[in-house]
Amino acid sequence: QKGAHDLDVMHWLAGGFSRKVVALGDLAVYGSNTD
């Protein structure tokens, strides 16, 4: 959702499109907030 901007920009600057990806992520801060 948020990264679509940056992925489009990087594709534009590089003159190509992603064909293989790897990724890691986490819900590191907001998940433990119970309010």
PDB file of all heavy atoms in Angstrom:
ATOM      1  N   GLN A   1       0.817  -1.213   0.000  1.00  0.00           N
ATOM      2  CA  GLN A   1       0.000   0.000   0.000  1.00  0.00           C
ATOM      3  C   GLN A   1       0.852   1.265   0.000  1.00  0.00           C
ATOM      4  O   GLN A   1       0.701   2.135  -0.847  1.00  0.00           O
ATOM      5  CB  GLN A   1      -0.926  -0.006   1.217  1.00  0.00           C
ATOM      6  CG  GLN A   1      -2.132   0.888   1.100  1.00  0.00           C
ATOM      7  CD  GLN A   1      -1.853   2.367   1.313  1.00  0.00           C
ATOM      8  OE1 GLN A   1      -0.899   2.757   1.969  1.00  0.00           O
ATOM      9  NE2 GLN A   1      -2.693   3.212   0.738  1.00  0.00           N
ATOM     10  N   LYS A   2       1.744   1.370   0.950  1.00  0.00           N
ATOM     11  CA  LYS A   2       2.617   2.536   1.041  1.00  0.00           C
ATOM     12  C   LYS A   2       3.797   2.414   0.090  1.00  0.00           C
ATOM     13  O   LYS A   2       4.247   3.394  -0.498  1.00  0.00           O
ATOM     14  CB  LYS A   2       3.107   2.677   2.485  1.00  0.00           C
ATOM     15  CG  LYS A   2       3.949   3.912   2.752  1.00  0.00           C
ATOM     16  CD  LYS A   2       3.169   5.187   2.559  1.00  0.00           C
ATOM     17  CE  LYS A   2       3.964   6.401   3.050  1.00  0.00           C
ATOM     18  NZ  LYS A   2       3.323   7.664   2.627  1.00  0.00           N
ATOM     19  N   GLY A   3       4.294   1.182  -0.071  1.00  0.00           N
ATOM     20  CA  GLY A   3       5.473   0.971  -0.892  1.00  0.00           C
ATOM     21  C   GLY A   3       5.230   1.080  -2.377  1.00  0.00           C
ATOM     22  O   GLY A   3       6.200   1.197  -3.148  1.00  0.00           O
ATOM     23  N   ALA A   4       3.977   1.043  -2.837  1.00  0.00           N
ATOM     24  CA  ALA A   4       3.710   1.135  -4.276  1.00  0.00           C
ATOM     25  C   ALA A   4       4.331   2.387  -4.879  1.00  0.00           C
ATOM     26  O   ALA A   4       4.824   2.370  -6.012  1.00  0.00           O
ATOM     27  CB  ALA A   4       2.203   1.102  -4.528  1.00  0.00           C
ATOM     28  N   HIS A   5       4.311   3.503  -4.120  1.00  0.00           N
ATOM     29  CA  HIS A   5       4.976   4.724  -4.572  1.00  0.00           C
ATOM     30  C   HIS A   5       6.445   4.465  -4.873  1.00  0.00           C
ATOM     31  O   HIS A   5       6.947   4.763  -5.957  1.00  0.00           O
ATOM     32  CB  HIS A   5       4.910   5.791  -3.465  1.00  0.00           C
ATOM     33  CG  HIS A   5       3.701   6.654  -3.497  1.00  0.00           C
ATOM     34  ND1 HIS A   5       3.202   7.232  -4.652  1.00  0.00           N
ATOM     35  CD2 HIS A   5       2.901   7.089  -2.497  1.00  0.00           C
ATOM     36  CE1 HIS A   5       2.149   7.966  -4.355  1.00  0.00           C
ATOM     37  NE2 HIS A   5       1.941   7.895  -3.059  1.00  0.00           N
ATOM     38  N   ASP A   6       7.157   3.948  -3.871  1.00  0.00           N
ATOM     39  CA  ASP A   6       8.601   3.815  -3.969  1.00  0.00           C
ATOM     40  C   ASP A   6       9.008   2.731  -4.961  1.00  0.00           C
ATOM     41  O   ASP A   6      10.015   2.874  -5.664  1.00  0.00           O
ATOM     42  CB  ASP A   6       9.186   3.512  -2.592  1.00  0.00           C
ATOM     43  CG  ASP A   6       8.929   4.646  -1.610  1.00  0.00           C
ATOM     44  OD1 ASP A   6       9.295   5.787  -1.923  1.00  0.00           O
ATOM     45  OD2 ASP A   6       8.350   4.383  -0.542  1.00  0.00           O
ATOM     46  N   LEU A   7       8.253   1.655  -5.017  1.00  0.00           N
ATOM     47  CA  LEU A   7       8.550   0.604  -5.982  1.00  0.00           C
ATOM     48  C   LEU A   7       8.396   1.132  -7.399  1.00  0.00           C
ATOM     49  O   LEU A   7       9.221   0.839  -8.279  1.00  0.00           O
ATOM     50  CB  LEU A   7       7.639  -0.603  -5.741  1.00  0.00           C
ATOM     51  CG  LEU A   7       7.871  -1.315  -4.403  1.00  0.00           C
ATOM     52  CD1 LEU A   7       6.763  -2.322  -4.129  1.00  0.00           C
ATOM     53  CD2 LEU A   7       9.229  -1.997  -4.375  1.00  0.00           C
ATOM     54  N   ASP A   8       7.367   1.944  -7.636  1.00  0.00           N
ATOM     55  CA  ASP A   8       7.190   2.544  -8.955  1.00  0.00           C
ATOM     56  C   ASP A   8       8.352   3.479  -9.280  1.00  0.00           C
ATOM     57  O   ASP A   8       8.865   3.485 -10.401  1.00  0.00           O
ATOM     58  CB  ASP A   8       5.858   3.294  -9.021  1.00  0.00           C
ATOM     59  CG  ASP A   8       5.635   3.941 -10.382  1.00  0.00           C
ATOM     60  OD1 ASP A   8       5.590   3.201 -11.387  1.00  0.00           O
ATOM     61  OD2 ASP A   8       5.520   5.178 -10.446  1.00  0.00           O
ATOM     62  N   VAL A   9       8.772   4.287  -8.306  1.00  0.00           N
ATOM     63  CA  VAL A   9       9.886   5.205  -8.540  1.00  0.00           C
ATOM     64  C   VAL A   9      11.169   4.440  -8.853  1.00  0.00           C
ATOM     65  O   VAL A   9      11.894   4.763  -9.808  1.00  0.00           O
ATOM     66  CB  VAL A   9      10.091   6.136  -7.323  1.00  0.00           C
ATOM     67  CG1 VAL A   9      11.429   6.872  -7.419  1.00  0.00           C
ATOM     68  CG2 VAL A   9       8.953   7.140  -7.223  1.00  0.00           C
ATOM     69  N   MET A  10      11.468   3.404  -8.065  1.00  0.00           N
ATOM     70  CA  MET A  10      12.692   2.642  -8.314  1.00  0.00           C
ATOM     71  C   MET A  10      12.645   1.958  -9.671  1.00  0.00           C
ATOM     72  O   MET A  10      13.652   1.929 -10.402  1.00  0.00           O
ATOM     73  CB  MET A  10      12.924   1.641  -7.186  1.00  0.00           C
ATOM     74  CG  MET A  10      13.331   2.300  -5.882  1.00  0.00           C
ATOM     75  SD  MET A  10      13.934   1.136  -4.626  1.00  0.00           S
ATOM     76  CE  MET A  10      12.409   0.313  -4.187  1.00  0.00           C
ATOM     77  N   HIS A  11      11.503   1.410 -10.040  1.00  0.00           N
ATOM     78  CA  HIS A  11      11.369   0.826 -11.373  1.00  0.00           C
ATOM     79  C   HIS A  11      11.625   1.883 -12.457  1.00  0.00           C
ATOM     80  O   HIS A  11      12.299   1.611 -13.456  1.00  0.00           O
ATOM     81  CB  HIS A  11       9.962   0.242 -11.556  1.00  0.00           C
ATOM     82  CG  HIS A  11       9.716  -1.016 -10.796  1.00  0.00           C
ATOM     83  ND1 HIS A  11       8.446  -1.513 -10.579  1.00  0.00           N
ATOM     84  CD2 HIS A  11      10.558  -1.898 -10.196  1.00  0.00           C
ATOM     85  CE1 HIS A  11       8.518  -2.634  -9.898  1.00  0.00           C
ATOM     86  NE2 HIS A  11       9.793  -2.887  -9.644  1.00  0.00           N
ATOM     87  N   TRP A  12      11.074   3.078 -12.254  1.00  0.00           N
ATOM     88  CA  TRP A  12      11.196   4.169 -13.231  1.00  0.00           C
ATOM     89  C   TRP A  12      12.651   4.608 -13.375  1.00  0.00           C
ATOM     90  O   TRP A  12      13.169   4.786 -14.483  1.00  0.00           O
ATOM     91  CB  TRP A  12      10.307   5.337 -12.797  1.00  0.00           C
ATOM     92  CG  TRP A  12       9.969   6.321 -13.865  1.00  0.00           C
ATOM     93  CD1 TRP A  12       9.708   6.071 -15.182  1.00  0.00           C
ATOM     94  CD2 TRP A  12       9.811   7.735 -13.689  1.00  0.00           C
ATOM     95  NE1 TRP A  12       9.389   7.243 -15.833  1.00  0.00           N
ATOM     96  CE2 TRP A  12       9.440   8.264 -14.946  1.00  0.00           C
ATOM     97  CE3 TRP A  12       9.918   8.591 -12.599  1.00  0.00           C
ATOM     98  CZ2 TRP A  12       9.205   9.635 -15.139  1.00  0.00           C
ATOM     99  CZ3 TRP A  12       9.673   9.943 -12.787  1.00  0.00           C
ATOM    100  CH2 TRP A  12       9.325  10.465 -14.038  1.00  0.00           C
ATOM    101  N   LEU A  13      13.319   4.789 -12.241  1.00  0.00           N
ATOM    102  CA  LEU A  13      14.712   5.217 -12.271  1.00  0.00           C
ATOM    103  C   LEU A  13      15.621   4.137 -12.852  1.00  0.00           C
ATOM    104  O   LEU A  13      16.630   4.441 -13.507  1.00  0.00           O
ATOM    105  CB  LEU A  13      15.190   5.583 -10.862  1.00  0.00           C
ATOM    106  CG  LEU A  13      14.485   6.762 -10.176  1.00  0.00           C
ATOM    107  CD1 LEU A  13      15.078   6.995  -8.792  1.00  0.00           C
ATOM    108  CD2 LEU A  13      14.561   8.036 -11.016  1.00  0.00           C
ATOM    109  N   ALA A  14      15.283   2.878 -12.628  1.00  0.00           N
ATOM    110  CA  ALA A  14      16.120   1.772 -13.079  1.00  0.00           C
ATOM    111  C   ALA A  14      15.821   1.337 -14.505  1.00  0.00           C
ATOM    112  O   ALA A  14      16.635   0.656 -15.136  1.00  0.00           O
ATOM    113  CB  ALA A  14      15.949   0.577 -12.143  1.00  0.00           C
ATOM    114  N   GLY A  15      14.641   1.693 -15.011  1.00  0.00           N
ATOM    115  CA  GLY A  15      14.268   1.274 -16.356  1.00  0.00           C
ATOM    116  C   GLY A  15      13.919  -0.188 -16.464  1.00  0.00           C
ATOM    117  O   GLY A  15      14.129  -0.818 -17.510  1.00  0.00           O
ATOM    118  N   GLY A  16      13.375  -0.765 -15.390  1.00  0.00           N
ATOM    119  CA  GLY A  16      12.994  -2.172 -15.418  1.00  0.00           C
ATOM    120  C   GLY A  16      11.963  -2.485 -14.364  1.00  0.00           C
ATOM    121  O   GLY A  16      11.581  -1.606 -13.570  1.00  0.00           O
ATOM    122  N   PHE A  17      11.508  -3.745 -14.330  1.00  0.00           N
ATOM    123  CA  PHE A  17      10.486  -4.169 -13.386  1.00  0.00           C
ATOM    124  C   PHE A  17      10.964  -5.387 -12.605  1.00  0.00           C
ATOM    125  O   PHE A  17      11.696  -6.238 -13.121  1.00  0.00           O
ATOM    126  CB  PHE A  17       9.189  -4.509 -14.112  1.00  0.00           C
ATOM    127  CG  PHE A  17       8.563  -3.349 -14.836  1.00  0.00           C
ATOM    128  CD1 PHE A  17       8.293  -3.427 -16.199  1.00  0.00           C
ATOM    129  CD2 PHE A  17       8.247  -2.184 -14.166  1.00  0.00           C
ATOM    130  CE1 PHE A  17       7.711  -2.358 -16.872  1.00  0.00           C
ATOM    131  CE2 PHE A  17       7.669  -1.109 -14.829  1.00  0.00           C
ATOM    132  CZ  PHE A  17       7.403  -1.194 -16.186  1.00  0.00           C
ATOM    133  N   SER A  18      10.511  -5.492 -11.356  1.00  0.00           N
ATOM    134  CA  SER A  18      10.909  -6.602 -10.484  1.00  0.00           C
ATOM    135  C   SER A  18      10.419  -7.938 -11.034  1.00  0.00           C
ATOM    136  O   SER A  18       9.257  -8.063 -11.438  1.00  0.00           O
ATOM    137  CB  SER A  18      10.337  -6.412  -9.073  1.00  0.00           C
ATOM    138  OG  SER A  18      10.842  -5.239  -8.462  1.00  0.00           O
ATOM    139  N   ARG A  19      11.318  -8.938 -10.995  1.00  0.00           N
ATOM    140  CA  ARG A  19      10.943 -10.277 -11.440  1.00  0.00           C
ATOM    141  C   ARG A  19      11.207 -11.346 -10.375  1.00  0.00           C
ATOM    142  O   ARG A  19      10.696 -12.451 -10.478  1.00  0.00           O
ATOM    143  CB  ARG A  19      11.664 -10.625 -12.732  1.00  0.00           C
ATOM    144  CG  ARG A  19      11.110  -9.873 -13.938  1.00  0.00           C
ATOM    145  CD  ARG A  19       9.688 -10.316 -14.262  1.00  0.00           C
ATOM    146  NE  ARG A  19       9.020  -9.461 -15.246  1.00  0.00           N
ATOM    147  CZ  ARG A  19       8.112  -8.549 -14.946  1.00  0.00           C
ATOM    148  NH1 ARG A  19       7.755  -8.363 -13.681  1.00  0.00           N
ATOM    149  NH2 ARG A  19       7.539  -7.837 -15.877  1.00  0.00           N
ATOM    150  N   LYS A  20      12.025 -11.048  -9.366  1.00  0.00           N
ATOM    151  CA  LYS A  20      12.230 -11.967  -8.256  1.00  0.00           C
ATOM    152  C   LYS A  20      12.428 -11.141  -6.994  1.00  0.00           C
ATOM    153  O   LYS A  20      13.199 -10.165  -7.004  1.00  0.00           O
ATOM    154  CB  LYS A  20      13.430 -12.871  -8.477  1.00  0.00           C
ATOM    155  CG  LYS A  20      13.653 -13.902  -7.353  1.00  0.00           C
ATOM    156  CD  LYS A  20      14.884 -14.741  -7.581  1.00  0.00           C
ATOM    157  CE  LYS A  20      14.678 -15.748  -8.689  1.00  0.00           C
ATOM    158  NZ  LYS A  20      13.709 -16.823  -8.325  1.00  0.00           N
ATOM    159  N   VAL A  21      11.738 -11.506  -5.906  1.00  0.00           N
ATOM    160  CA  VAL A  21      11.841 -10.761  -4.656  1.00  0.00           C
ATOM    161  C   VAL A  21      12.011 -11.712  -3.478  1.00  0.00           C
ATOM    162  O   VAL A  21      11.572 -12.867  -3.517  1.00  0.00           O
ATOM    163  CB  VAL A  21      10.598  -9.863  -4.410  1.00  0.00           C
ATOM    164  CG1 VAL A  21      10.454  -8.812  -5.487  1.00  0.00           C
ATOM    165  CG2 VAL A  21       9.329 -10.698  -4.302  1.00  0.00           C
ATOM    166  N   VAL A  22      12.637 -11.185  -2.440  1.00  0.00           N
ATOM    167  CA  VAL A  22      12.636 -11.810  -1.120  1.00  0.00           C
ATOM    168  C   VAL A  22      12.399 -10.700  -0.116  1.00  0.00           C
ATOM    169  O   VAL A  22      12.757  -9.543  -0.341  1.00  0.00           O
ATOM    170  CB  VAL A  22      13.964 -12.536  -0.796  1.00  0.00           C
ATOM    171  CG1 VAL A  22      14.174 -13.697  -1.741  1.00  0.00           C
ATOM    172  CG2 VAL A  22      15.143 -11.569  -0.848  1.00  0.00           C
ATOM    173  N   ALA A  23      11.785 -11.021   1.013  1.00  0.00           N
ATOM    174  CA  ALA A  23      11.459  -9.975   1.978  1.00  0.00           C
ATOM    175  C   ALA A  23      11.308 -10.548   3.373  1.00  0.00           C
ATOM    176  O   ALA A  23      10.993 -11.732   3.561  1.00  0.00           O
ATOM    177  CB  ALA A  23      10.169  -9.258   1.571  1.00  0.00           C
ATOM    178  N   LEU A  24      11.520  -9.676   4.352  1.00  0.00           N
ATOM    179  CA  LEU A  24      11.233  -9.963   5.754  1.00  0.00           C
ATOM    180  C   LEU A  24      10.501  -8.767   6.332  1.00  0.00           C
ATOM    181  O   LEU A  24      10.671  -7.631   5.884  1.00  0.00           O
ATOM    182  CB  LEU A  24      12.523 -10.214   6.538  1.00  0.00           C
ATOM    183  CG  LEU A  24      13.333 -11.451   6.175  1.00  0.00           C
ATOM    184  CD1 LEU A  24      14.651 -11.460   6.947  1.00  0.00           C
ATOM    185  CD2 LEU A  24      12.545 -12.723   6.461  1.00  0.00           C
ATOM    186  N   GLY A  25       9.674  -9.012   7.346  1.00  0.00           N
ATOM    187  CA  GLY A  25       8.951  -7.921   7.987  1.00  0.00           C
ATOM    188  C   GLY A  25       8.457  -8.349   9.353  1.00  0.00           C
ATOM    189  O   GLY A  25       8.539  -9.516   9.732  1.00  0.00           O
ATOM    190  N   ASP A  26       7.931  -7.372  10.091  1.00  0.00           N
ATOM    191  CA  ASP A  26       7.465  -7.677  11.441  1.00  0.00           C
ATOM    192  C   ASP A  26       6.454  -6.622  11.882  1.00  0.00           C
ATOM    193  O   ASP A  26       6.475  -5.480  11.402  1.00  0.00           O
ATOM    194  CB  ASP A  26       8.649  -7.690  12.407  1.00  0.00           C
ATOM    195  CG  ASP A  26       8.329  -8.389  13.734  1.00  0.00           C
ATOM    196  OD1 ASP A  26       7.260  -9.005  13.831  1.00  0.00           O
ATOM    197  OD2 ASP A  26       9.160  -8.305  14.651  1.00  0.00           O
ATOM    198  N   LEU A  27       5.576  -7.008  12.795  1.00  0.00           N
ATOM    199  CA  LEU A  27       4.727  -6.056  13.514  1.00  0.00           C
ATOM    200  C   LEU A  27       5.425  -5.825  14.846  1.00  0.00           C
ATOM    201  O   LEU A  27       5.144  -6.480  15.844  1.00  0.00           O
ATOM    202  CB  LEU A  27       3.319  -6.633  13.687  1.00  0.00           C
ATOM    203  CG  LEU A  27       2.290  -5.765  14.417  1.00  0.00           C
ATOM    204  CD1 LEU A  27       2.172  -4.379  13.791  1.00  0.00           C
ATOM    205  CD2 LEU A  27       0.924  -6.449  14.424  1.00  0.00           C
ATOM    206  N   ALA A  28       6.361  -4.876  14.849  1.00  0.00           N
ATOM    207  CA  ALA A  28       7.324  -4.751  15.939  1.00  0.00           C
ATOM    208  C   ALA A  28       6.883  -3.824  17.064  1.00  0.00           C
ATOM    209  O   ALA A  28       7.324  -3.981  18.205  1.00  0.00           O
ATOM    210  CB  ALA A  28       8.675  -4.262  15.385  1.00  0.00           C
ATOM    211  N   VAL A  29       6.023  -2.848  16.766  1.00  0.00           N
ATOM    212  CA  VAL A  29       5.679  -1.825  17.764  1.00  0.00           C
ATOM    213  C   VAL A  29       4.182  -1.757  18.028  1.00  0.00           C
ATOM    214  O   VAL A  29       3.729  -1.863  19.173  1.00  0.00           O
ATOM    215  CB  VAL A  29       6.206  -0.442  17.331  1.00  0.00           C
ATOM    216  CG1 VAL A  29       5.680   0.663  18.243  1.00  0.00           C
ATOM    217  CG2 VAL A  29       7.734  -0.439  17.331  1.00  0.00           C
ATOM    218  N   TYR A  30       3.384  -1.583  16.988  1.00  0.00           N
ATOM    219  CA  TYR A  30       1.969  -1.275  17.198  1.00  0.00           C
ATOM    220  C   TYR A  30       1.130  -2.486  17.588  1.00  0.00           C
ATOM    221  O   TYR A  30       0.048  -2.328  18.159  1.00  0.00           O
ATOM    222  CB  TYR A  30       1.397  -0.597  15.943  1.00  0.00           C
ATOM    223  CG  TYR A  30       2.081   0.711  15.631  1.00  0.00           C
ATOM    224  CD1 TYR A  30       2.849   0.863  14.484  1.00  0.00           C
ATOM    225  CD2 TYR A  30       1.996   1.783  16.513  1.00  0.00           C
ATOM    226  CE1 TYR A  30       3.498   2.059  14.208  1.00  0.00           C
ATOM    227  CE2 TYR A  30       2.643   2.973  16.250  1.00  0.00           C
ATOM    228  CZ  TYR A  30       3.392   3.099  15.102  1.00  0.00           C
ATOM    229  OH  TYR A  30       4.045   4.289  14.844  1.00  0.00           O
ATOM    230  N   GLY A  31       1.620  -3.680  17.314  1.00  0.00           N
ATOM    231  CA  GLY A  31       0.838  -4.862  17.647  1.00  0.00           C
ATOM    232  C   GLY A  31       0.629  -5.069  19.128  1.00  0.00           C
ATOM    233  O   GLY A  31      -0.392  -5.628  19.548  1.00  0.00           O
ATOM    234  N   SER A  32       1.564  -4.611  19.937  1.00  0.00           N
ATOM    235  CA  SER A  32       1.458  -4.817  21.389  1.00  0.00           C
ATOM    236  C   SER A  32       0.653  -3.723  22.084  1.00  0.00           C
ATOM    237  O   SER A  32       0.405  -3.803  23.289  1.00  0.00           O
ATOM    238  CB  SER A  32       2.854  -4.886  22.002  1.00  0.00           C
ATOM    239  OG  SER A  32       3.570  -3.680  21.768  1.00  0.00           O
ATOM    240  N   ASN A  33       0.246  -2.702  21.348  1.00  0.00           N
ATOM    241  CA  ASN A  33      -0.549  -1.611  21.914  1.00  0.00           C
ATOM    242  C   ASN A  33      -2.011  -2.058  21.979  1.00  0.00           C
ATOM    243  O   ASN A  33      -2.646  -2.312  20.961  1.00  0.00           O
ATOM    244  CB  ASN A  33      -0.398  -0.360  21.048  1.00  0.00           C
ATOM    245  CG  ASN A  33      -1.023   0.876  21.661  1.00  0.00           C
ATOM    246  OD1 ASN A  33      -2.037   0.804  22.347  1.00  0.00           O
ATOM    247  ND2 ASN A  33      -0.429   2.031  21.406  1.00  0.00           N
ATOM    248  N   THR A  34      -2.557  -2.133  23.182  1.00  0.00           N
ATOM    249  CA  THR A  34      -3.925  -2.639  23.361  1.00  0.00           C
ATOM    250  C   THR A  34      -4.976  -1.537  23.457  1.00  0.00           C
ATOM    251  O   THR A  34      -6.160  -1.827  23.656  1.00  0.00           O
ATOM    252  CB  THR A  34      -3.999  -3.501  24.632  1.00  0.00           C
ATOM    253  OG1 THR A  34      -3.601  -2.711  25.762  1.00  0.00           O
ATOM    254  CG2 THR A  34      -3.087  -4.712  24.514  1.00  0.00           C
ATOM    255  N   ASP A  35      -4.571  -0.288  23.291  1.00  0.00           N
ATOM    256  CA  ASP A  35      -5.526   0.822  23.333  1.00  0.00           C
ATOM    257  C   ASP A  35      -6.161   0.940  21.948  1.00  0.00           C
ATOM    258  O   ASP A  35      -5.574   1.498  21.025  1.00  0.00           O
ATOM    259  CB  ASP A  35      -4.805   2.118  23.718  1.00  0.00           C
ATOM    260  CG  ASP A  35      -5.773   3.232  24.119  1.00  0.00           C
ATOM    261  OD1 ASP A  35      -6.836   3.344  23.481  1.00  0.00           O
ATOM    262  OD2 ASP A  35      -5.459   3.980  25.059  1.00  0.00           O
TER     263      ASP A  35
END
